[in-house]
Amino acid sequence: MTATARRIVVIGGGIAGLASAALLAADGHEVDLVEKNDRPGGRAGSWERNGFRFDTGPSWWLMPEVFDHFFELLGTSTDEQIDLLRLEPGYRVFFEGVADSVDVAGDEARNRELFESLEPGAGAAFDDYLASARSAYDIAVQRFLYTNFDSVDAFAGRRVLANARQLVGLLTAKLDAHIASRFRDNRIRQILGYPAVFLGASPDRAPAMYHLMSWLDLADGVRYPDGGFVRLPEVLEKLAVENGVRIHTGTAATAILTEPRQPTRRWSSRRDRVSGVRTRDSTGVECDLPADLVIGAADLHHIETTMLPPHQQTFPQKWWDKATSGPGAVLVFLGVRGRLPELAHHSLFFTSDWSTNFDAIFESPTRVPDPASLYVCRPSASDDSVAPDGDENLFLLVPIPADPSLGSGGVDGAGAPVIEQIADRAIELVADWASIPDLAERIVVRRTMGPGDFVADLNSWSGGALGPAHTLRQSAFLRAANTSRKVEGLYYAGSSTTPGIGLPMCLISAELVLKRVRGDRSVGPLPTR
């Protein structure tokens, strides 16, 4: 417990906000969390209709040791809080123009056999690729993820220096080129390249360093929390409250309040410092919450450009004009009569011309790719609680440009015409490639979400589904920092800042905030209790 308890307000009740609030309260601080929506969770939300319950965001549980470490910091464990199921197969892949799908297994040995069957000699290359991925992953966890880059140790550790040449090569090369130099079969190249989409980028835009992601799904396996991903925010909320956090839902932060700071020495900082957060509840009543520290765990662009005056913005609009957003998305939630054994828990549908597909999303002028590579989650394959007995729950994600003008989704086809058309095309593609000709006829529940929904529900910059893309200039110490340069006592957490996109990264971002508050400049995970 900290020797000096401070009043802290956390803005945003997503995973990063809940995690930050829980850690800071457990460290002895007085913490209030404000969330504009009616319940916490952020992107990790939930929607129910007619016996179907849909996760509305994250659906892949990777990097289990990050969750284990986070829960240990709070004196508990993943096993005590969440029942994890290991998926088999890890996922299924459908390729345009290829009759047979491919099942990626949940362990390294069988995936080596798979690669060898797809391309003679690829088994040995697989071993080398995964060994490199594991090495890069270990270095990332120990030196680059759990650090605020406020110490020379983050850059000059013994292992970093020993692997400096390799790391520079991985950071300056592109992921697709790194893969292509080792494998010829296009199916293998796509299996190894798709994790870049998890990072809000594409294989030809992400640094080769991110080949480390392949260690996670090809060797470490894919897991699923029984009851759905909504279990994570539920557990985080419970732990936060147990540690004393006061959670205010239906309460939007509208301004970060500051006061002039009088320097104690001639050379000390003259920055303003936080004094509180102005909020507005669902009835329009305003209230000022006093604070010694503020943690902005909502969308960073929204916090900086709407809650601070221009002279206090570390990341003003001109900064965002040069930044690169991750993709937008159309999400499609389908309740389907009868079973769908043709689909695994996770299924990926890859078009043959990836370059054209990704250029449509990321290059200007943008356009909606057609056909579009997409992802389908069928959680009812593993979880009986998410659909009526004998029926299926499907979640489709179609990456598209991050463009709110494309509109919002709706229930039963009531969304913007372009959003519903994208959903229709996705359903047709899945039905065709997976040989489910009557899929559309069996749909009994349908809802869509588009970039406009990400703006309305999450204040998402540019309507992006994930956050700023993990390009080279938006990775590691080059990503938006988690502390304000203009306002003392203002910190940031979540996918917009370090270390980046994804549930594990949001948990780590909360730990990085805890380090900032403690004045801890260590590299690597904090010691657990």
Protein backbone atom coordinates (compact mmCIF):
# COMPACT_ATOMS: atom_id res chain seq x y z
CA MET A 1 0.00 0.00 0.00
CA THR A 2 1.24 3.47 -0.85
CA ALA A 3 2.36 5.76 1.94
CA THR A 4 0.51 8.73 0.44
CA ALA A 5 -3.08 8.04 -0.59
CA ARG A 6 -4.36 10.33 -3.32
CA ARG A 7 -7.75 11.06 -4.82
CA ILE A 8 -7.87 9.62 -8.33
CA VAL A 9 -10.57 9.84 -11.00
CA VAL A 10 -10.50 7.33 -13.84
CA ILE A 11 -12.28 8.37 -17.04
CA GLY A 12 -13.73 5.39 -18.92
CA GLY A 13 -14.94 2.02 -17.67
CA GLY A 14 -13.49 -0.21 -20.38
CA ILE A 15 -10.96 -2.93 -19.62
CA ALA A 16 -8.09 -0.48 -19.15
CA GLY A 17 -10.17 1.82 -16.94
CA LEU A 18 -11.46 -0.96 -14.71
CA ALA A 19 -8.00 -2.50 -14.45
CA SER A 20 -6.37 0.85 -13.63
CA ALA A 21 -8.98 1.64 -10.99
CA ALA A 22 -8.61 -1.78 -9.36
CA LEU A 23 -4.80 -1.61 -9.20
CA LEU A 24 -4.72 1.94 -7.89
CA ALA A 25 -7.37 1.27 -5.25
CA ALA A 26 -5.53 -1.88 -4.15
CA ASP A 27 -2.44 0.33 -3.81
CA GLY A 28 -4.25 2.45 -1.23
CA HIS A 29 -5.68 5.34 -3.27
CA GLU A 30 -9.21 6.75 -3.19
CA VAL A 31 -10.58 6.03 -6.65
CA ASP A 32 -13.71 7.12 -8.55
CA LEU A 33 -14.42 5.76 -12.03
CA VAL A 34 -16.82 7.51 -14.40
CA GLU A 35 -18.36 5.69 -17.38
CA LYS A 36 -20.75 7.36 -19.82
CA ASN A 37 -22.59 4.16 -20.70
CA ASP A 38 -25.04 2.31 -18.46
CA ARG A 39 -22.57 -0.45 -17.64
CA PRO A 40 -18.80 -0.83 -17.73
CA GLY A 41 -16.95 -2.89 -20.31
CA GLY A 42 -16.24 -0.55 -23.21
CA ARG A 43 -15.51 -2.58 -26.33
CA ALA A 44 -15.92 -5.76 -24.27
CA GLY A 45 -19.68 -5.34 -24.15
CA SER A 46 -22.65 -7.66 -24.43
CA TRP A 47 -26.04 -7.67 -26.18
CA GLU A 48 -28.94 -10.08 -25.71
CA ARG A 49 -32.06 -10.92 -27.68
CA ASN A 50 -34.42 -13.92 -27.81
CA GLY A 51 -32.13 -16.19 -25.84
CA PHE A 52 -28.98 -15.26 -27.77
CA ARG A 53 -26.20 -13.39 -25.95
CA PHE A 54 -23.46 -11.78 -28.01
CA ASP A 55 -20.05 -10.44 -27.02
CA THR A 56 -19.74 -7.17 -28.90
CA GLY A 57 -15.97 -6.86 -28.97
CA PRO A 58 -12.91 -8.96 -28.11
CA SER A 59 -13.19 -12.68 -28.77
CA TRP A 60 -9.59 -14.06 -28.71
CA TRP A 61 -7.92 -14.86 -25.37
CA LEU A 62 -4.17 -14.78 -25.98
CA MET A 63 -1.13 -14.12 -23.75
CA PRO A 64 -2.62 -15.94 -20.72
CA GLU A 65 0.42 -15.16 -18.57
CA VAL A 66 -0.46 -11.44 -18.77
CA PHE A 67 -3.87 -12.14 -17.24
CA ASP A 68 -2.26 -14.43 -14.65
CA HIS A 69 0.20 -11.70 -13.65
CA PHE A 70 -2.49 -9.02 -13.46
CA PHE A 71 -4.74 -11.07 -11.20
CA GLU A 72 -1.75 -11.95 -8.99
CA LEU A 73 -1.14 -8.22 -8.48
CA LEU A 74 -4.64 -8.12 -6.95
CA GLY A 75 -4.00 -11.12 -4.74
CA THR A 76 -6.03 -13.59 -6.76
CA SER A 77 -5.62 -15.74 -9.87
CA THR A 78 -7.14 -16.30 -13.29
CA ASP A 79 -8.30 -19.74 -12.19
CA GLU A 80 -10.15 -18.27 -9.20
CA GLN A 81 -11.92 -15.68 -11.33
CA ILE A 82 -12.53 -17.17 -14.80
CA ASP A 83 -13.01 -20.68 -16.20
CA LEU A 84 -10.88 -20.82 -19.36
CA LEU A 85 -11.47 -23.38 -22.09
CA ARG A 86 -8.66 -24.31 -24.50
CA LEU A 87 -10.01 -24.39 -28.06
CA GLU A 88 -9.42 -27.27 -30.44
CA PRO A 89 -8.93 -26.48 -33.23
CA GLY A 90 -7.57 -23.09 -32.38
CA TYR A 91 -9.23 -21.80 -35.55
CA ARG A 92 -10.27 -22.83 -39.05
CA VAL A 93 -9.20 -21.00 -42.21
CA PHE A 94 -11.10 -20.79 -45.50
CA PHE A 95 -9.21 -19.58 -48.59
CA GLU A 96 -10.76 -18.01 -51.67
CA GLY A 97 -10.70 -20.45 -54.57
CA VAL A 98 -9.45 -23.35 -52.43
CA ALA A 99 -11.89 -26.19 -51.82
CA ASP A 100 -10.53 -27.44 -48.49
CA SER A 101 -10.33 -25.40 -45.32
CA VAL A 102 -7.39 -25.74 -42.93
CA ASP A 103 -7.64 -26.36 -39.18
CA VAL A 104 -4.88 -24.75 -37.12
CA ALA A 105 -4.34 -26.85 -34.01
CA GLY A 106 -3.84 -25.76 -30.45
CA ASP A 107 -0.27 -27.02 -30.13
CA GLU A 108 3.08 -26.58 -31.85
CA ALA A 109 3.76 -30.19 -32.90
CA ARG A 110 0.57 -30.61 -34.91
CA ASN A 111 0.96 -27.22 -36.52
CA ARG A 112 4.43 -28.20 -37.65
CA GLU A 113 2.87 -31.23 -39.33
CA LEU A 114 0.24 -28.98 -40.90
CA PHE A 115 2.84 -26.65 -42.40
CA GLU A 116 4.82 -29.58 -43.76
CA SER A 117 1.66 -30.96 -45.41
CA LEU A 118 0.96 -27.62 -47.07
CA GLU A 119 4.53 -27.11 -48.30
CA PRO A 120 7.24 -29.77 -48.26
CA GLY A 121 10.12 -28.47 -46.17
CA ALA A 122 7.98 -25.91 -44.36
CA GLY A 123 8.16 -27.93 -41.14
CA ALA A 124 11.81 -27.05 -40.58
CA ALA A 125 11.15 -23.42 -41.54
CA PHE A 126 8.23 -23.44 -39.09
CA ASP A 127 10.59 -24.50 -36.29
CA ASP A 128 12.97 -21.64 -37.04
CA TYR A 129 10.15 -19.12 -37.44
CA LEU A 130 8.54 -20.06 -34.14
CA ALA A 131 11.87 -20.07 -32.30
CA SER A 132 12.45 -16.52 -33.51
CA ALA A 133 8.87 -15.58 -32.60
CA ARG A 134 9.31 -16.97 -29.09
CA SER A 135 12.58 -15.11 -28.61
CA ALA A 136 11.06 -11.83 -29.82
CA TYR A 137 8.02 -12.37 -27.61
CA ASP A 138 10.11 -12.98 -24.50
CA ILE A 139 12.20 -9.87 -25.15
CA ALA A 140 9.06 -7.81 -25.76
CA VAL A 141 7.44 -8.93 -22.50
CA GLN A 142 10.55 -8.44 -20.39
CA ARG A 143 11.89 -5.23 -21.97
CA PHE A 144 9.32 -3.39 -24.09
CA LEU A 145 5.75 -4.04 -22.87
CA TYR A 146 5.99 -3.47 -19.12
CA THR A 147 7.99 -0.25 -19.33
CA ASN A 148 7.23 3.43 -19.66
CA PHE A 149 10.52 3.98 -21.51
CA ASP A 150 11.51 6.49 -18.83
CA SER A 151 14.74 4.68 -18.01
CA VAL A 152 17.82 3.83 -20.05
CA ASP A 153 17.37 0.23 -18.89
CA ALA A 154 14.50 -0.18 -21.35
CA PHE A 155 16.90 0.40 -24.25
CA ALA A 156 20.19 -0.90 -22.92
CA GLY A 157 19.41 -4.09 -21.06
CA ARG A 158 21.86 -6.95 -21.57
CA ARG A 159 19.41 -9.03 -23.61
CA VAL A 160 18.41 -6.04 -25.76
CA LEU A 161 22.04 -5.21 -26.55
CA ALA A 162 22.87 -8.86 -27.23
CA ASN A 163 20.02 -9.05 -29.75
CA ALA A 164 20.30 -5.49 -31.07
CA ARG A 165 21.11 -6.45 -34.66
CA GLN A 166 18.23 -8.91 -34.86
CA LEU A 167 15.80 -6.44 -33.27
CA VAL A 168 16.75 -3.63 -35.64
CA GLY A 169 16.19 -5.98 -38.57
CA LEU A 170 12.78 -7.02 -37.28
CA LEU A 171 11.74 -3.43 -36.67
CA THR A 172 12.80 -2.12 -40.07
CA ALA A 173 11.51 -5.02 -42.20
CA LYS A 174 7.83 -5.60 -42.97
CA LEU A 175 6.00 -8.65 -41.70
CA ASP A 176 4.87 -9.86 -45.13
CA ALA A 177 8.43 -9.73 -46.51
CA HIS A 178 9.74 -11.53 -43.43
CA ILE A 179 7.23 -14.33 -43.99
CA ALA A 180 7.69 -14.50 -47.78
CA SER A 181 11.43 -15.01 -47.41
CA ARG A 182 10.73 -18.25 -45.53
CA PHE A 183 7.56 -19.75 -47.03
CA ARG A 184 6.20 -20.07 -50.58
CA ASP A 185 2.70 -21.43 -49.98
CA ASN A 186 0.19 -18.58 -49.93
CA ARG A 187 -1.97 -20.32 -47.33
CA ILE A 188 0.93 -20.42 -44.90
CA ARG A 189 1.79 -16.81 -45.64
CA GLN A 190 -1.75 -15.74 -44.84
CA ILE A 191 -1.92 -17.78 -41.63
CA LEU A 192 1.30 -16.13 -40.44
CA GLY A 193 0.34 -12.66 -41.67
CA TYR A 194 -3.20 -12.29 -40.35
CA PRO A 195 -2.19 -11.46 -36.70
CA ALA A 196 -1.23 -8.00 -38.02
CA VAL A 197 -4.98 -7.29 -38.23
CA PHE A 198 -5.23 -7.86 -34.46
CA LEU A 199 -2.78 -4.96 -34.19
CA GLY A 200 -4.84 -2.64 -36.36
CA ALA A 201 -2.43 -2.93 -39.28
CA SER A 202 -1.76 -5.22 -42.26
CA PRO A 203 1.14 -7.59 -43.02
CA ASP A 204 2.71 -5.10 -45.42
CA ARG A 205 2.46 -2.25 -42.90
CA ALA A 206 3.36 -3.93 -39.61
CA PRO A 207 7.02 -4.38 -38.59
CA ALA A 208 8.36 -7.93 -38.79
CA MET A 209 8.85 -7.73 -35.02
CA TYR A 210 5.19 -8.65 -34.74
CA HIS A 211 5.88 -12.15 -36.04
CA LEU A 212 6.04 -12.77 -32.29
CA MET A 213 2.22 -13.03 -32.42
CA SER A 214 2.54 -16.39 -34.17
CA TRP A 215 4.07 -17.90 -31.05
CA LEU A 216 0.81 -17.16 -29.22
CA ASP A 217 -1.70 -18.92 -31.46
CA LEU A 218 0.49 -21.61 -33.10
CA ALA A 219 2.27 -22.82 -29.96
CA ASP A 220 0.62 -21.36 -26.88
CA GLY A 221 -2.93 -21.95 -28.12
CA VAL A 222 -6.22 -20.04 -28.04
CA ARG A 223 -8.54 -19.91 -25.04
CA TYR A 224 -12.12 -18.85 -24.33
CA PRO A 225 -13.67 -17.70 -21.03
CA ASP A 226 -16.69 -19.85 -20.24
CA GLY A 227 -19.73 -17.57 -20.25
CA GLY A 228 -18.20 -15.24 -22.85
CA PHE A 229 -15.75 -12.37 -22.87
CA VAL A 230 -18.19 -10.28 -20.87
CA ARG A 231 -16.88 -12.28 -17.91
CA LEU A 232 -13.67 -10.21 -17.94
CA PRO A 233 -15.26 -6.77 -17.33
CA GLU A 234 -17.65 -8.38 -14.83
CA VAL A 235 -14.71 -9.77 -12.86
CA LEU A 236 -12.72 -6.54 -13.12
CA GLU A 237 -15.69 -4.53 -11.90
CA LYS A 238 -16.12 -6.88 -8.93
CA LEU A 239 -12.45 -6.68 -7.99
CA ALA A 240 -12.45 -2.90 -8.36
CA VAL A 241 -15.45 -2.51 -6.05
CA GLU A 242 -13.98 -4.97 -3.54
CA ASN A 243 -10.90 -2.76 -3.38
CA GLY A 244 -12.98 0.34 -2.75
CA VAL A 245 -13.52 1.88 -6.20
CA ARG A 246 -16.67 3.95 -6.58
CA ILE A 247 -18.08 3.36 -10.09
CA HIS A 248 -20.40 5.97 -11.59
CA THR A 249 -22.19 4.62 -14.68
CA GLY A 250 -24.36 6.78 -16.94
CA THR A 251 -21.91 9.57 -16.11
CA ALA A 252 -19.88 11.23 -18.85
CA ALA A 253 -16.67 13.15 -18.22
CA THR A 254 -16.91 16.50 -19.98
CA ALA A 255 -13.78 18.34 -18.85
CA ILE A 256 -10.53 17.80 -16.99
CA LEU A 257 -10.21 20.56 -14.41
CA THR A 258 -6.83 22.13 -13.71
CA GLU A 259 -5.24 24.78 -11.57
CA PRO A 260 -2.02 26.74 -11.96
CA ARG A 261 0.94 25.13 -10.25
CA GLN A 262 3.32 27.46 -8.49
CA PRO A 263 6.90 26.30 -8.99
CA THR A 264 8.76 25.64 -5.73
CA ARG A 265 12.13 26.31 -7.37
CA ARG A 266 13.22 28.58 -10.17
CA TRP A 267 13.93 25.61 -12.47
CA SER A 268 10.89 23.50 -11.59
CA SER A 269 7.90 22.91 -13.88
CA ARG A 270 5.30 25.62 -14.45
CA ARG A 271 2.75 23.19 -15.88
CA ASP A 272 -0.83 23.37 -14.71
CA ARG A 273 -1.91 20.40 -12.65
CA VAL A 274 -5.16 18.47 -12.47
CA SER A 275 -7.69 19.39 -9.82
CA GLY A 276 -10.68 17.26 -10.84
CA VAL A 277 -13.07 16.07 -13.52
CA ARG A 278 -16.37 17.68 -14.52
CA THR A 279 -19.11 15.15 -15.20
CA ARG A 280 -22.66 15.11 -16.52
CA ASP A 281 -25.12 12.36 -15.68
CA SER A 282 -27.91 11.01 -17.87
CA THR A 283 -30.34 13.64 -16.57
CA GLY A 284 -27.98 16.49 -17.47
CA VAL A 285 -26.87 17.25 -13.91
CA GLU A 286 -23.24 18.38 -13.72
CA CYS A 287 -20.87 17.58 -10.89
CA ASP A 288 -17.18 18.24 -10.23
CA LEU A 289 -15.18 15.34 -8.78
CA PRO A 290 -12.00 16.59 -7.06
CA ALA A 291 -8.82 14.72 -7.94
CA ASP A 292 -5.11 14.80 -7.29
CA LEU A 293 -4.58 12.54 -10.31
CA VAL A 294 -6.68 11.76 -13.39
CA ILE A 295 -6.39 8.62 -15.52
CA GLY A 296 -7.80 9.04 -19.01
CA ALA A 297 -8.74 5.47 -20.00
CA ALA A 298 -11.22 6.43 -22.70
CA ASP A 299 -10.29 7.19 -26.32
CA LEU A 300 -7.19 9.40 -26.18
CA HIS A 301 -8.23 11.60 -29.08
CA HIS A 302 -11.58 12.30 -27.41
CA ILE A 303 -10.00 13.12 -24.06
CA GLU A 304 -7.30 15.38 -25.46
CA THR A 305 -9.37 17.32 -28.00
CA THR A 306 -12.65 17.68 -26.07
CA MET A 307 -11.71 17.75 -22.37
CA LEU A 308 -8.68 20.04 -22.46
CA PRO A 309 -8.16 23.52 -23.93
CA PRO A 310 -5.69 23.71 -26.84
CA HIS A 311 -2.75 24.96 -24.77
CA GLN A 312 -3.00 21.90 -22.48
CA GLN A 313 -3.20 19.28 -25.23
CA THR A 314 -0.18 16.99 -25.59
CA PHE A 315 -1.86 15.33 -28.60
CA PRO A 316 -3.80 18.07 -30.41
CA GLN A 317 -5.76 17.54 -33.61
CA LYS A 318 -2.70 18.24 -35.78
CA TRP A 319 -0.99 15.27 -34.11
CA TRP A 320 -3.89 13.01 -35.03
CA ASP A 321 -3.93 14.32 -38.60
CA LYS A 322 -0.54 12.62 -39.06
CA ALA A 323 -1.44 9.44 -37.17
CA THR A 324 -2.68 6.18 -38.70
CA SER A 325 -5.91 4.64 -37.49
CA GLY A 326 -6.47 0.93 -37.35
CA PRO A 327 -9.33 -0.36 -39.51
CA GLY A 328 -12.98 0.29 -38.94
CA ALA A 329 -15.34 -2.66 -38.88
CA VAL A 330 -18.83 -3.84 -39.58
CA LEU A 331 -19.91 -6.21 -36.84
CA VAL A 332 -22.77 -8.60 -37.52
CA PHE A 333 -24.50 -10.50 -34.71
CA LEU A 334 -26.60 -13.43 -35.91
CA GLY A 335 -28.82 -15.87 -34.08
CA VAL A 336 -29.17 -18.91 -36.36
CA ARG A 337 -31.59 -21.86 -36.15
CA GLY A 338 -29.92 -25.28 -36.05
CA ARG A 339 -26.27 -26.26 -35.85
CA LEU A 340 -23.35 -25.08 -37.98
CA PRO A 341 -20.59 -27.70 -37.70
CA GLU A 342 -19.02 -26.31 -40.87
CA LEU A 343 -17.62 -23.47 -38.73
CA ALA A 344 -15.15 -23.78 -35.85
CA HIS A 345 -15.28 -21.57 -32.76
CA HIS A 346 -13.01 -19.20 -34.72
CA SER A 347 -13.08 -19.17 -38.54
CA LEU A 348 -11.11 -16.90 -40.85
CA PHE A 349 -12.04 -16.22 -44.47
CA PHE A 350 -9.12 -14.94 -46.57
CA THR A 351 -9.43 -13.45 -50.04
CA SER A 352 -6.63 -14.32 -52.44
CA ASP A 353 -5.59 -10.72 -53.22
CA TRP A 354 -4.63 -9.36 -49.82
CA SER A 355 -2.78 -6.33 -51.14
CA THR A 356 -5.86 -4.95 -52.88
CA ASN A 357 -7.97 -5.79 -49.84
CA PHE A 358 -5.76 -3.94 -47.37
CA ASP A 359 -5.04 -1.04 -49.73
CA ALA A 360 -8.79 -0.44 -49.94
CA ILE A 361 -8.87 -0.03 -46.16
CA PHE A 362 -5.68 1.93 -45.51
CA GLU A 363 -4.81 3.87 -48.69
CA SER A 364 -6.47 7.14 -49.71
CA PRO A 365 -9.06 7.30 -51.08
CA THR A 366 -10.43 4.43 -49.04
CA ARG A 367 -13.20 2.10 -50.13
CA VAL A 368 -14.99 -0.94 -48.79
CA PRO A 369 -13.22 -4.07 -50.12
CA ASP A 370 -15.40 -6.53 -52.05
CA PRO A 371 -14.95 -9.37 -51.51
CA ALA A 372 -13.59 -8.69 -48.06
CA SER A 373 -11.53 -10.98 -45.86
CA LEU A 374 -13.45 -11.48 -42.64
CA TYR A 375 -13.63 -13.27 -39.32
CA VAL A 376 -16.44 -15.37 -37.85
CA CYS A 377 -16.78 -16.36 -34.20
CA ARG A 378 -19.14 -19.19 -33.25
CA PRO A 379 -18.96 -19.19 -29.44
CA SER A 380 -21.90 -21.59 -29.24
CA ALA A 381 -19.45 -24.26 -30.44
CA SER A 382 -17.89 -24.12 -26.95
CA ASP A 383 -20.48 -22.42 -24.72
CA ASP A 384 -24.09 -23.57 -24.31
CA SER A 385 -25.05 -20.36 -22.48
CA VAL A 386 -24.85 -18.03 -25.50
CA ALA A 387 -27.67 -19.51 -27.64
CA PRO A 388 -30.87 -21.52 -27.20
CA ASP A 389 -30.40 -25.28 -27.21
CA GLY A 390 -29.67 -26.54 -30.71
CA ASP A 391 -29.11 -23.06 -32.20
CA GLU A 392 -25.99 -21.06 -32.99
CA ASN A 393 -24.55 -17.68 -32.11
CA LEU A 394 -22.42 -16.04 -34.83
CA PHE A 395 -20.31 -12.89 -34.66
CA LEU A 396 -18.96 -11.63 -38.01
CA LEU A 397 -16.28 -8.95 -38.26
CA VAL A 398 -15.60 -7.32 -41.62
CA PRO A 399 -12.59 -4.94 -41.64
CA ILE A 400 -13.40 -1.73 -43.54
CA PRO A 401 -12.04 1.82 -43.60
CA ALA A 402 -12.26 3.78 -40.34
CA ASP A 403 -14.85 6.18 -41.73
CA PRO A 404 -17.86 7.27 -39.61
CA SER A 405 -19.60 8.61 -42.73
CA LEU A 406 -20.30 5.00 -43.69
CA GLY A 407 -22.91 5.08 -40.95
CA SER A 408 -24.20 3.00 -38.08
CA GLY A 409 -25.79 -0.39 -37.83
CA GLY A 410 -29.16 -1.45 -36.51
CA VAL A 411 -31.45 -4.34 -35.58
CA ASP A 412 -33.21 -6.46 -38.20
CA GLY A 413 -31.70 -4.61 -41.15
CA ALA A 414 -32.45 -1.11 -39.85
CA GLY A 415 -28.88 0.16 -40.11
CA ALA A 416 -27.43 2.48 -42.74
CA PRO A 417 -27.85 0.96 -46.22
CA VAL A 418 -24.11 0.55 -46.85
CA ILE A 419 -23.62 -1.17 -43.48
CA GLU A 420 -26.44 -3.62 -44.16
CA GLN A 421 -25.11 -4.28 -47.65
CA ILE A 422 -21.68 -5.12 -46.23
CA ALA A 423 -23.36 -7.48 -43.76
CA ASP A 424 -25.36 -9.14 -46.55
CA ARG A 425 -22.21 -9.70 -48.63
CA ALA A 426 -20.41 -11.17 -45.61
CA ILE A 427 -23.25 -13.60 -44.94
CA GLU A 428 -23.24 -14.63 -48.59
CA LEU A 429 -19.48 -15.19 -48.56
CA VAL A 430 -19.61 -17.36 -45.42
CA ALA A 431 -22.52 -19.36 -46.82
CA ASP A 432 -20.69 -19.94 -50.11
CA TRP A 433 -17.17 -20.72 -48.87
CA ALA A 434 -18.29 -22.85 -45.89
CA SER A 435 -20.99 -24.65 -47.92
CA ILE A 436 -23.98 -23.49 -45.84
CA PRO A 437 -26.39 -22.59 -48.67
CA ASP A 438 -29.38 -21.92 -46.39
CA LEU A 439 -27.52 -19.74 -43.86
CA ALA A 440 -29.46 -16.54 -44.61
CA GLU A 441 -32.81 -18.33 -44.37
CA ARG A 442 -31.99 -19.65 -40.88
CA ILE A 443 -31.21 -16.26 -39.31
CA VAL A 444 -33.71 -15.38 -36.57
CA VAL A 445 -31.79 -12.55 -34.83
CA ARG A 446 -29.72 -9.93 -36.62
CA ARG A 447 -27.95 -6.78 -35.50
CA THR A 448 -25.19 -4.76 -37.15
CA MET A 449 -22.69 -2.16 -35.94
CA GLY A 450 -20.65 0.23 -38.07
CA PRO A 451 -18.05 2.98 -37.61
CA GLY A 452 -20.77 5.41 -36.59
CA ASP A 453 -21.57 3.19 -33.61
CA PHE A 454 -17.95 3.16 -32.48
CA VAL A 455 -18.04 6.95 -32.41
CA ALA A 456 -21.41 7.17 -30.61
CA ASP A 457 -20.79 4.37 -28.11
CA LEU A 458 -17.04 4.64 -27.50
CA ASN A 459 -16.02 8.12 -28.75
CA SER A 460 -13.65 6.24 -31.06
CA TRP A 461 -11.22 8.31 -33.10
CA SER A 462 -12.22 8.13 -36.78
CA GLY A 463 -14.70 5.37 -35.99
CA GLY A 464 -11.86 2.87 -35.69
CA ALA A 465 -12.70 -0.51 -34.21
CA LEU A 466 -9.36 -1.04 -32.43
CA GLY A 467 -7.28 2.09 -32.00
CA PRO A 468 -4.18 3.60 -33.63
CA ALA A 469 -2.49 1.02 -35.89
CA HIS A 470 0.75 -0.67 -34.83
CA THR A 471 2.91 0.76 -37.56
CA LEU A 472 6.58 1.33 -36.76
CA ARG A 473 6.04 4.96 -35.76
CA GLN A 474 3.15 3.95 -33.52
CA SER A 475 4.82 1.09 -31.66
CA ALA A 476 6.75 0.83 -28.37
CA PHE A 477 8.31 4.16 -27.30
CA LEU A 478 7.09 5.82 -30.53
CA ARG A 479 3.43 5.24 -29.59
CA ALA A 480 1.50 8.01 -27.83
CA ALA A 481 2.91 8.25 -24.32
CA ASN A 482 0.75 7.54 -21.29
CA THR A 483 1.46 10.81 -19.52
CA SER A 484 0.60 14.39 -20.40
CA ARG A 485 3.46 16.75 -21.09
CA LYS A 486 1.23 19.77 -20.49
CA VAL A 487 -0.78 18.86 -17.36
CA GLU A 488 0.82 17.44 -14.25
CA GLY A 489 -1.03 14.50 -12.75
CA LEU A 490 -2.76 13.44 -15.99
CA TYR A 491 -2.05 9.91 -17.23
CA TYR A 492 -3.47 7.69 -19.95
CA ALA A 493 -4.37 4.02 -20.30
CA GLY A 494 -5.94 1.85 -22.98
CA SER A 495 -5.42 0.92 -26.61
CA SER A 496 -4.62 4.48 -27.75
CA THR A 497 -1.45 4.60 -25.72
CA THR A 498 1.38 2.25 -24.69
CA PRO A 499 1.74 -0.64 -25.08
CA GLY A 500 -1.16 -0.86 -27.57
CA ILE A 501 -4.17 -2.78 -28.84
CA GLY A 502 -5.79 -5.83 -27.26
CA LEU A 503 -7.01 -7.09 -23.90
CA PRO A 504 -3.55 -8.05 -22.59
CA MET A 505 -2.14 -4.68 -23.65
CA CYS A 506 -4.95 -2.87 -21.80
CA LEU A 507 -4.12 -4.78 -18.61
CA ILE A 508 -0.44 -3.92 -19.04
CA SER A 509 -1.33 -0.28 -19.68
CA ALA A 510 -3.03 -0.22 -16.27
CA GLU A 511 0.14 -1.55 -14.65
CA LEU A 512 2.17 1.11 -16.46
CA VAL A 513 -0.09 3.78 -14.96
CA LEU A 514 0.48 2.26 -11.53
CA LYS A 515 4.21 2.54 -12.16
CA ARG A 516 3.83 6.20 -13.12
CA VAL A 517 1.88 6.97 -9.96
CA ARG A 518 4.44 5.16 -7.80
CA GLY A 519 7.37 6.79 -9.59
CA ASP A 520 8.60 3.31 -10.50
CA ARG A 521 10.95 3.30 -13.52
CA SER A 522 11.60 -0.42 -13.53
CA VAL A 523 11.57 -2.52 -16.69
CA GLY A 524 9.44 -5.65 -16.73
CA PRO A 525 6.40 -6.81 -14.77
CA LEU A 526 5.99 -5.63 -11.18
CA PRO A 527 6.64 -8.15 -8.41
CA THR A 528 3.44 -9.83 -7.26
CA ARG A 529 2.30 -10.10 -3.69
